[in-house]
Amino acid sequence: LLRGVAQLPPEERGTVGRAANQARQALEGLIEARAGE
């Protein structure tokens, strides 16, 4: 989905890209925390 942001209409790119990045970073943080446990 992140790689496909460039094909979206210009007015949607910022919102979708930000949401996808936030989701990815949140999941990476959760995975690292759970791995430590």
All heavy atoms as atom14 arrays in JSON, in Angstrom:
{
  "sequence": "LLRGVAQLPPEERGTVGRAANQARQALEGLIEARAGE",
  "atom14_mask": [
    [1, 1, 1, 1, 1, 1, 1, 1, 0, 0, 0, 0, 0, 0],
    [1, 1, 1, 1, 1, 1, 1, 1, 0, 0, 0, 0, 0, 0],
    [1, 1, 1, 1, 1, 1, 1, 1, 1, 1, 1, 0, 0, 0],
    [1, 1, 1, 1, 0, 0, 0, 0, 0, 0, 0, 0, 0, 0],
    [1, 1, 1, 1, 1, 1, 1, 0, 0, 0, 0, 0, 0, 0],
    [1, 1, 1, 1, 1, 0, 0, 0, 0, 0, 0, 0, 0, 0],
    [1, 1, 1, 1, 1, 1, 1, 1, 1, 0, 0, 0, 0, 0],
    [1, 1, 1, 1, 1, 1, 1, 1, 0, 0, 0, 0, 0, 0],
    [1, 1, 1, 1, 1, 1, 1, 0, 0, 0, 0, 0, 0, 0],
    [1, 1, 1, 1, 1, 1, 1, 0, 0, 0, 0, 0, 0, 0],
    [1, 1, 1, 1, 1, 1, 1, 1, 1, 0, 0, 0, 0, 0],
    [1, 1, 1, 1, 1, 1, 1, 1, 1, 0, 0, 0, 0, 0],
    [1, 1, 1, 1, 1, 1, 1, 1, 1, 1, 1, 0, 0, 0],
    [1, 1, 1, 1, 0, 0, 0, 0, 0, 0, 0, 0, 0, 0],
    [1, 1, 1, 1, 1, 1, 1, 0, 0, 0, 0, 0, 0, 0],
    [1, 1, 1, 1, 1, 1, 1, 0, 0, 0, 0, 0, 0, 0],
    [1, 1, 1, 1, 0, 0, 0, 0, 0, 0, 0, 0, 0, 0],
    [1, 1, 1, 1, 1, 1, 1, 1, 1, 1, 1, 0, 0, 0],
    [1, 1, 1, 1, 1, 0, 0, 0, 0, 0, 0, 0, 0, 0],
    [1, 1, 1, 1, 1, 0, 0, 0, 0, 0, 0, 0, 0, 0],
    [1, 1, 1, 1, 1, 1, 1, 1, 0, 0, 0, 0, 0, 0],
    [1, 1, 1, 1, 1, 1, 1, 1, 1, 0, 0, 0, 0, 0],
    [1, 1, 1, 1, 1, 0, 0, 0, 0, 0, 0, 0, 0, 0],
    [1, 1, 1, 1, 1, 1, 1, 1, 1, 1, 1, 0, 0, 0],
    [1, 1, 1, 1, 1, 1, 1, 1, 1, 0, 0, 0, 0, 0],
    [1, 1, 1, 1, 1, 0, 0, 0, 0, 0, 0, 0, 0, 0],
    [1, 1, 1, 1, 1, 1, 1, 1, 0, 0, 0, 0, 0, 0],
    [1, 1, 1, 1, 1, 1, 1, 1, 1, 0, 0, 0, 0, 0],
    [1, 1, 1, 1, 0, 0, 0, 0, 0, 0, 0, 0, 0, 0],
    [1, 1, 1, 1, 1, 1, 1, 1, 0, 0, 0, 0, 0, 0],
    [1, 1, 1, 1, 1, 1, 1, 1, 0, 0, 0, 0, 0, 0],
    [1, 1, 1, 1, 1, 1, 1, 1, 1, 0, 0, 0, 0, 0],
    [1, 1, 1, 1, 1, 0, 0, 0, 0, 0, 0, 0, 0, 0],
    [1, 1, 1, 1, 1, 1, 1, 1, 1, 1, 1, 0, 0, 0],
    [1, 1, 1, 1, 1, 0, 0, 0, 0, 0, 0, 0, 0, 0],
    [1, 1, 1, 1, 0, 0, 0, 0, 0, 0, 0, 0, 0, 0],
    [1, 1, 1, 1, 1, 1, 1, 1, 1, 0, 0, 0, 0, 0]
  ],
  "atom14_positions": [
    [[0.83, -1.2, 0.0], [0.0, 0.0, 0.0], [0.87, 1.25, 0.0], [0.57, 2.25, -0.67], [-0.93, 0.0, 1.21], [-2.11, -0.99, 1.18], [-2.87, -0.97, 2.5], [-3.05, -0.65, 0.02], [0.0, 0.0, 0.0], [0.0, 0.0, 0.0], [0.0, 0.0, 0.0], [0.0, 0.0, 0.0], [0.0, 0.0, 0.0], [0.0, 0.0, 0.0]],
    [[1.96, 1.2, 0.79], [2.88, 2.34, 0.81], [3.5, 2.57, -0.56], [3.64, 3.71, -1.01], [3.98, 2.11, 1.86], [3.71, 2.63, 3.27], [4.79, 2.15, 4.21], [3.64, 4.15, 3.27], [0.0, 0.0, 0.0], [0.0, 0.0, 0.0], [0.0, 0.0, 0.0], [0.0, 0.0, 0.0], [0.0, 0.0, 0.0], [0.0, 0.0, 0.0]],
    [[3.9, 1.48, -1.2], [4.53, 1.63, -2.52], [3.53, 2.12, -3.57], [3.91, 2.69, -4.58], [5.13, 0.29, -2.94], [6.42, -0.05, -2.21], [7.14, -1.22, -2.87], [6.42, -2.48, -2.62], [6.65, -3.27, -1.58], [7.57, -2.93, -0.68], [5.96, -4.38, -1.44], [0.0, 0.0, 0.0], [0.0, 0.0, 0.0], [0.0, 0.0, 0.0]],
    [[2.23, 1.9, -3.31], [1.22, 2.34, -4.3], [0.69, 3.73, -4.06], [-0.22, 4.17, -4.77], [0.0, 0.0, 0.0], [0.0, 0.0, 0.0], [0.0, 0.0, 0.0], [0.0, 0.0, 0.0], [0.0, 0.0, 0.0], [0.0, 0.0, 0.0], [0.0, 0.0, 0.0], [0.0, 0.0, 0.0], [0.0, 0.0, 0.0], [0.0, 0.0, 0.0]],
    [[1.22, 4.45, -3.09], [0.74, 5.81, -2.79], [0.94, 6.73, -3.98], [0.13, 7.63, -4.27], [1.45, 6.37, -1.53], [1.22, 7.87, -1.38], [0.97, 5.63, -0.3], [0.0, 0.0, 0.0], [0.0, 0.0, 0.0], [0.0, 0.0, 0.0], [0.0, 0.0, 0.0], [0.0, 0.0, 0.0], [0.0, 0.0, 0.0], [0.0, 0.0, 0.0]],
    [[2.0, 6.52, -4.74], [2.29, 7.41, -5.87], [1.22, 7.35, -6.94], [1.08, 8.3, -7.75], [3.65, 7.03, -6.46], [0.0, 0.0, 0.0], [0.0, 0.0, 0.0], [0.0, 0.0, 0.0], [0.0, 0.0, 0.0], [0.0, 0.0, 0.0], [0.0, 0.0, 0.0], [0.0, 0.0, 0.0], [0.0, 0.0, 0.0], [0.0, 0.0, 0.0]],
    [[0.47, 6.26, -7.01], [-0.58, 6.14, -8.03], [-1.91, 6.76, -7.59], [-2.88, 6.79, -8.36], [-0.83, 4.66, -8.38], [0.21, 4.05, -9.33], [1.53, 3.8, -8.67], [1.58, 3.28, -7.56], [2.62, 4.22, -9.33], [0.0, 0.0, 0.0], [0.0, 0.0, 0.0], [0.0, 0.0, 0.0], [0.0, 0.0, 0.0], [0.0, 0.0, 0.0]],
    [[-1.98, 7.22, -6.35], [-3.21, 7.81, -5.85], [-3.35, 9.25, -6.33], [-2.34, 9.91, -6.66], [-3.22, 7.77, -4.32], [-3.28, 6.38, -3.65], [-3.14, 6.53, -2.15], [-4.59, 5.67, -4.01], [0.0, 0.0, 0.0], [0.0, 0.0, 0.0], [0.0, 0.0, 0.0], [0.0, 0.0, 0.0], [0.0, 0.0, 0.0], [0.0, 0.0, 0.0]],
    [[-4.57, 9.75, -6.28], [-4.76, 11.18, -6.59], [-3.94, 12.03, -5.63], [-3.74, 11.66, -4.46], [-6.26, 11.39, -6.4], [-6.85, 10.02, -6.57], [-5.84, 9.05, -6.05], [0.0, 0.0, 0.0], [0.0, 0.0, 0.0], [0.0, 0.0, 0.0], [0.0, 0.0, 0.0], [0.0, 0.0, 0.0], [0.0, 0.0, 0.0], [0.0, 0.0, 0.0]],
    [[-3.46, 13.17, -6.07], [-2.59, 14.01, -5.24], [-3.22, 14.37, -3.88], [-2.51, 14.42, -2.87], [-2.36, 15.25, -6.09], [-2.52, 14.77, -7.48], [-3.58, 13.71, -7.45], [0.0, 0.0, 0.0], [0.0, 0.0, 0.0], [0.0, 0.0, 0.0], [0.0, 0.0, 0.0], [0.0, 0.0, 0.0], [0.0, 0.0, 0.0], [0.0, 0.0, 0.0]],
    [[-4.5, 14.61, -3.86], [-5.12, 15.03, -2.6], [-5.18, 13.89, -1.57], [-5.37, 14.14, -0.38], [-6.52, 15.6, -2.87], [-7.52, 14.6, -3.42], [-7.45, 14.51, -4.93], [-6.48, 15.05, -5.51], [-8.34, 13.88, -5.54], [0.0, 0.0, 0.0], [0.0, 0.0, 0.0], [0.0, 0.0, 0.0], [0.0, 0.0, 0.0], [0.0, 0.0, 0.0]],
    [[-5.0, 12.6, -2.0], [-5.08, 11.46, -1.05], [-3.69, 10.97, -0.62], [-3.57, 10.23, 0.35], [-5.83, 10.31, -1.7], [-7.29, 10.61, -2.0], [-8.0, 9.41, -2.6], [-7.43, 8.29, -2.5], [-9.09, 9.58, -3.16], [0.0, 0.0, 0.0], [0.0, 0.0, 0.0], [0.0, 0.0, 0.0], [0.0, 0.0, 0.0], [0.0, 0.0, 0.0]],
    [[-2.69, 11.35, -1.4], [-1.36, 10.78, -1.14], [-0.85, 11.06, 0.28], [-0.36, 10.18, 0.98], [-0.35, 11.34, -2.14], [-0.62, 10.88, -3.56], [0.34, 11.57, -4.51], [-0.01, 11.28, -5.9], [0.56, 11.85, -6.95], [1.53, 12.76, -6.74], [0.19, 11.53, -8.19], [0.0, 0.0, 0.0], [0.0, 0.0, 0.0], [0.0, 0.0, 0.0]],
    [[-0.95, 12.31, 0.73], [-0.43, 12.67, 2.06], [-1.13, 11.92, 3.18], [-0.5, 11.38, 4.1], [0.0, 0.0, 0.0], [0.0, 0.0, 0.0], [0.0, 0.0, 0.0], [0.0, 0.0, 0.0], [0.0, 0.0, 0.0], [0.0, 0.0, 0.0], [0.0, 0.0, 0.0], [0.0, 0.0, 0.0], [0.0, 0.0, 0.0], [0.0, 0.0, 0.0]],
    [[-2.46, 11.87, 3.12], [-3.22, 11.22, 4.19], [-2.95, 9.72, 4.24], [-2.67, 9.15, 5.3], [-4.74, 11.47, 3.97], [-4.98, 12.86, 3.89], [-5.52, 10.88, 5.12], [0.0, 0.0, 0.0], [0.0, 0.0, 0.0], [0.0, 0.0, 0.0], [0.0, 0.0, 0.0], [0.0, 0.0, 0.0], [0.0, 0.0, 0.0], [0.0, 0.0, 0.0]],
    [[-3.0, 9.07, 3.05], [-2.78, 7.62, 3.01], [-1.34, 7.27, 3.38], [-1.06, 6.34, 4.14], [-3.14, 7.07, 1.62], [-2.77, 5.59, 1.51], [-4.61, 7.28, 1.32], [0.0, 0.0, 0.0], [0.0, 0.0, 0.0], [0.0, 0.0, 0.0], [0.0, 0.0, 0.0], [0.0, 0.0, 0.0], [0.0, 0.0, 0.0], [0.0, 0.0, 0.0]],
    [[-0.36, 8.02, 2.84], [1.05, 7.75, 3.15], [1.34, 7.9, 4.63], [2.06, 7.08, 5.23], [0.0, 0.0, 0.0], [0.0, 0.0, 0.0], [0.0, 0.0, 0.0], [0.0, 0.0, 0.0], [0.0, 0.0, 0.0], [0.0, 0.0, 0.0], [0.0, 0.0, 0.0], [0.0, 0.0, 0.0], [0.0, 0.0, 0.0], [0.0, 0.0, 0.0]],
    [[0.8, 8.98, 5.22], [1.02, 9.19, 6.66], [0.4, 8.05, 7.47], [1.02, 7.53, 8.4], [0.45, 10.54, 7.05], [0.73, 10.91, 8.5], [0.48, 12.4, 8.77], [-0.82, 12.82, 8.27], [-1.0, 13.58, 7.2], [0.05, 13.97, 6.46], [-2.22, 13.95, 6.8], [0.0, 0.0, 0.0], [0.0, 0.0, 0.0], [0.0, 0.0, 0.0]],
    [[-0.8, 7.65, 7.15], [-1.48, 6.58, 7.9], [-0.72, 5.25, 7.75], [-0.55, 4.5, 8.71], [-2.92, 6.43, 7.4], [0.0, 0.0, 0.0], [0.0, 0.0, 0.0], [0.0, 0.0, 0.0], [0.0, 0.0, 0.0], [0.0, 0.0, 0.0], [0.0, 0.0, 0.0], [0.0, 0.0, 0.0], [0.0, 0.0, 0.0], [0.0, 0.0, 0.0]],
    [[-0.25, 4.95, 6.54], [0.49, 3.7, 6.32], [1.82, 3.7, 7.08], [2.22, 2.69, 7.66], [0.71, 3.5, 4.82], [0.0, 0.0, 0.0], [0.0, 0.0, 0.0], [0.0, 0.0, 0.0], [0.0, 0.0, 0.0], [0.0, 0.0, 0.0], [0.0, 0.0, 0.0], [0.0, 0.0, 0.0], [0.0, 0.0, 0.0], [0.0, 0.0, 0.0]],
    [[2.53, 4.83, 7.05], [3.81, 4.93, 7.77], [3.61, 4.78, 9.27], [4.38, 4.1, 9.96], [4.49, 6.26, 7.46], [5.45, 6.15, 6.29], [6.17, 5.16, 6.18], [5.44, 7.14, 5.42], [0.0, 0.0, 0.0], [0.0, 0.0, 0.0], [0.0, 0.0, 0.0], [0.0, 0.0, 0.0], [0.0, 0.0, 0.0], [0.0, 0.0, 0.0]],
    [[2.58, 5.44, 9.79], [2.3, 5.35, 11.22], [1.96, 3.91, 11.62], [2.4, 3.42, 12.66], [1.15, 6.29, 11.59], [1.52, 7.77, 11.54], [0.34, 8.68, 11.81], [-0.82, 8.24, 11.81], [0.62, 9.98, 11.99], [0.0, 0.0, 0.0], [0.0, 0.0, 0.0], [0.0, 0.0, 0.0], [0.0, 0.0, 0.0], [0.0, 0.0, 0.0]],
    [[1.19, 3.25, 10.77], [0.84, 1.85, 11.05], [2.08, 0.96, 11.04], [2.27, 0.1, 11.91], [-0.19, 1.36, 10.02], [0.0, 0.0, 0.0], [0.0, 0.0, 0.0], [0.0, 0.0, 0.0], [0.0, 0.0, 0.0], [0.0, 0.0, 0.0], [0.0, 0.0, 0.0], [0.0, 0.0, 0.0], [0.0, 0.0, 0.0], [0.0, 0.0, 0.0]],
    [[2.94, 1.16, 10.02], [4.17, 0.36, 9.94], [5.07, 0.58, 11.16], [5.57, -0.37, 11.76], [4.92, 0.71, 8.66], [6.23, -0.06, 8.48], [6.89, 0.32, 7.17], [7.15, 1.74, 7.1], [8.18, 2.36, 7.69], [9.04, 1.66, 8.41], [8.35, 3.66, 7.54], [0.0, 0.0, 0.0], [0.0, 0.0, 0.0], [0.0, 0.0, 0.0]],
    [[5.29, 1.83, 11.55], [6.15, 2.14, 12.7], [5.56, 1.58, 13.99], [6.28, 1.07, 14.85], [6.35, 3.65, 12.79], [7.17, 4.23, 11.65], [7.18, 5.74, 11.64], [6.6, 6.39, 12.53], [7.82, 6.34, 10.63], [0.0, 0.0, 0.0], [0.0, 0.0, 0.0], [0.0, 0.0, 0.0], [0.0, 0.0, 0.0], [0.0, 0.0, 0.0]],
    [[4.23, 1.69, 14.13], [3.59, 1.17, 15.33], [3.75, -0.34, 15.43], [4.06, -0.89, 16.5], [2.11, 1.54, 15.34], [0.0, 0.0, 0.0], [0.0, 0.0, 0.0], [0.0, 0.0, 0.0], [0.0, 0.0, 0.0], [0.0, 0.0, 0.0], [0.0, 0.0, 0.0], [0.0, 0.0, 0.0], [0.0, 0.0, 0.0], [0.0, 0.0, 0.0]],
    [[3.56, -1.03, 14.3], [3.72, -2.49, 14.31], [5.16, -2.9, 14.57], [5.42, -3.87, 15.29], [3.24, -3.06, 12.97], [1.73, -2.91, 12.67], [1.39, -3.51, 11.31], [0.9, -3.53, 13.77], [0.0, 0.0, 0.0], [0.0, 0.0, 0.0], [0.0, 0.0, 0.0], [0.0, 0.0, 0.0], [0.0, 0.0, 0.0], [0.0, 0.0, 0.0]],
    [[6.12, -2.2, 14.0], [7.53, -2.51, 14.27], [7.85, -2.34, 15.76], [8.56, -3.16, 16.35], [8.43, -1.61, 13.43], [8.44, -1.97, 11.96], [9.29, -1.01, 11.14], [9.64, 0.07, 11.68], [9.59, -1.33, 9.97], [0.0, 0.0, 0.0], [0.0, 0.0, 0.0], [0.0, 0.0, 0.0], [0.0, 0.0, 0.0], [0.0, 0.0, 0.0]],
    [[7.32, -1.27, 16.37], [7.54, -1.07, 17.8], [6.92, -2.17, 18.64], [7.52, -2.66, 19.62], [0.0, 0.0, 0.0], [0.0, 0.0, 0.0], [0.0, 0.0, 0.0], [0.0, 0.0, 0.0], [0.0, 0.0, 0.0], [0.0, 0.0, 0.0], [0.0, 0.0, 0.0], [0.0, 0.0, 0.0], [0.0, 0.0, 0.0], [0.0, 0.0, 0.0]],
    [[5.69, -2.57, 18.27], [5.02, -3.65, 19.01], [5.78, -4.97, 18.88], [5.91, -5.73, 19.85], [3.59, -3.81, 18.49], [2.59, -2.71, 18.86], [1.26, -2.92, 18.15], [2.37, -2.67, 20.38], [0.0, 0.0, 0.0], [0.0, 0.0, 0.0], [0.0, 0.0, 0.0], [0.0, 0.0, 0.0], [0.0, 0.0, 0.0], [0.0, 0.0, 0.0]],
    [[6.26, -5.23, 17.67], [7.02, -6.48, 17.46], [8.29, -6.49, 18.31], [8.64, -7.51, 18.93], [7.34, -6.65, 15.96], [6.06, -6.97, 15.19], [8.39, -7.74, 15.76], [6.25, -7.0, 13.69], [0.0, 0.0, 0.0], [0.0, 0.0, 0.0], [0.0, 0.0, 0.0], [0.0, 0.0, 0.0], [0.0, 0.0, 0.0], [0.0, 0.0, 0.0]],
    [[9.02, -5.38, 18.35], [10.26, -5.32, 19.13], [9.97, -5.51, 20.62], [10.68, -6.22, 21.33], [10.98, -3.99, 18.88], [11.51, -3.82, 17.47], [12.47, -4.93, 17.09], [13.29, -5.36, 17.95], [12.4, -5.39, 15.94], [0.0, 0.0, 0.0], [0.0, 0.0, 0.0], [0.0, 0.0, 0.0], [0.0, 0.0, 0.0], [0.0, 0.0, 0.0]],
    [[8.9, -4.85, 21.11], [8.56, -4.96, 22.53], [8.16, -6.39, 22.88], [8.58, -6.95, 23.91], [7.43, -3.99, 22.87], [0.0, 0.0, 0.0], [0.0, 0.0, 0.0], [0.0, 0.0, 0.0], [0.0, 0.0, 0.0], [0.0, 0.0, 0.0], [0.0, 0.0, 0.0], [0.0, 0.0, 0.0], [0.0, 0.0, 0.0], [0.0, 0.0, 0.0]],
    [[7.31, -6.98, 22.0], [6.87, -8.35, 22.26], [8.03, -9.32, 22.16], [8.12, -10.29, 22.93], [5.78, -8.73, 21.26], [5.18, -10.12, 21.48], [4.54, -10.24, 22.83], [3.97, -11.56, 23.02], [3.72, -12.11, 24.2], [3.99, -11.43, 25.32], [3.18, -13.31, 24.28], [0.0, 0.0, 0.0], [0.0, 0.0, 0.0], [0.0, 0.0, 0.0]],
    [[8.97, -9.06, 21.25], [10.15, -9.93, 21.12], [10.98, -9.92, 22.41], [11.47, -10.95, 22.85], [11.0, -9.48, 19.93], [0.0, 0.0, 0.0], [0.0, 0.0, 0.0], [0.0, 0.0, 0.0], [0.0, 0.0, 0.0], [0.0, 0.0, 0.0], [0.0, 0.0, 0.0], [0.0, 0.0, 0.0], [0.0, 0.0, 0.0], [0.0, 0.0, 0.0]],
    [[11.12, -8.73, 23.0], [11.86, -8.65, 24.26], [11.2, -9.47, 25.36], [11.87, -10.18, 26.13], [0.0, 0.0, 0.0], [0.0, 0.0, 0.0], [0.0, 0.0, 0.0], [0.0, 0.0, 0.0], [0.0, 0.0, 0.0], [0.0, 0.0, 0.0], [0.0, 0.0, 0.0], [0.0, 0.0, 0.0], [0.0, 0.0, 0.0], [0.0, 0.0, 0.0]],
    [[9.86, -9.4, 25.45], [9.15, -10.17, 26.45], [9.32, -11.67, 26.23], [9.56, -12.43, 27.17], [7.67, -9.8, 26.41], [7.36, -8.35, 26.8], [5.89, -8.0, 26.61], [5.12, -8.91, 26.2], [5.52, -6.85, 26.85], [0.0, 0.0, 0.0], [0.0, 0.0, 0.0], [0.0, 0.0, 0.0], [0.0, 0.0, 0.0], [0.0, 0.0, 0.0]]
  ]
}
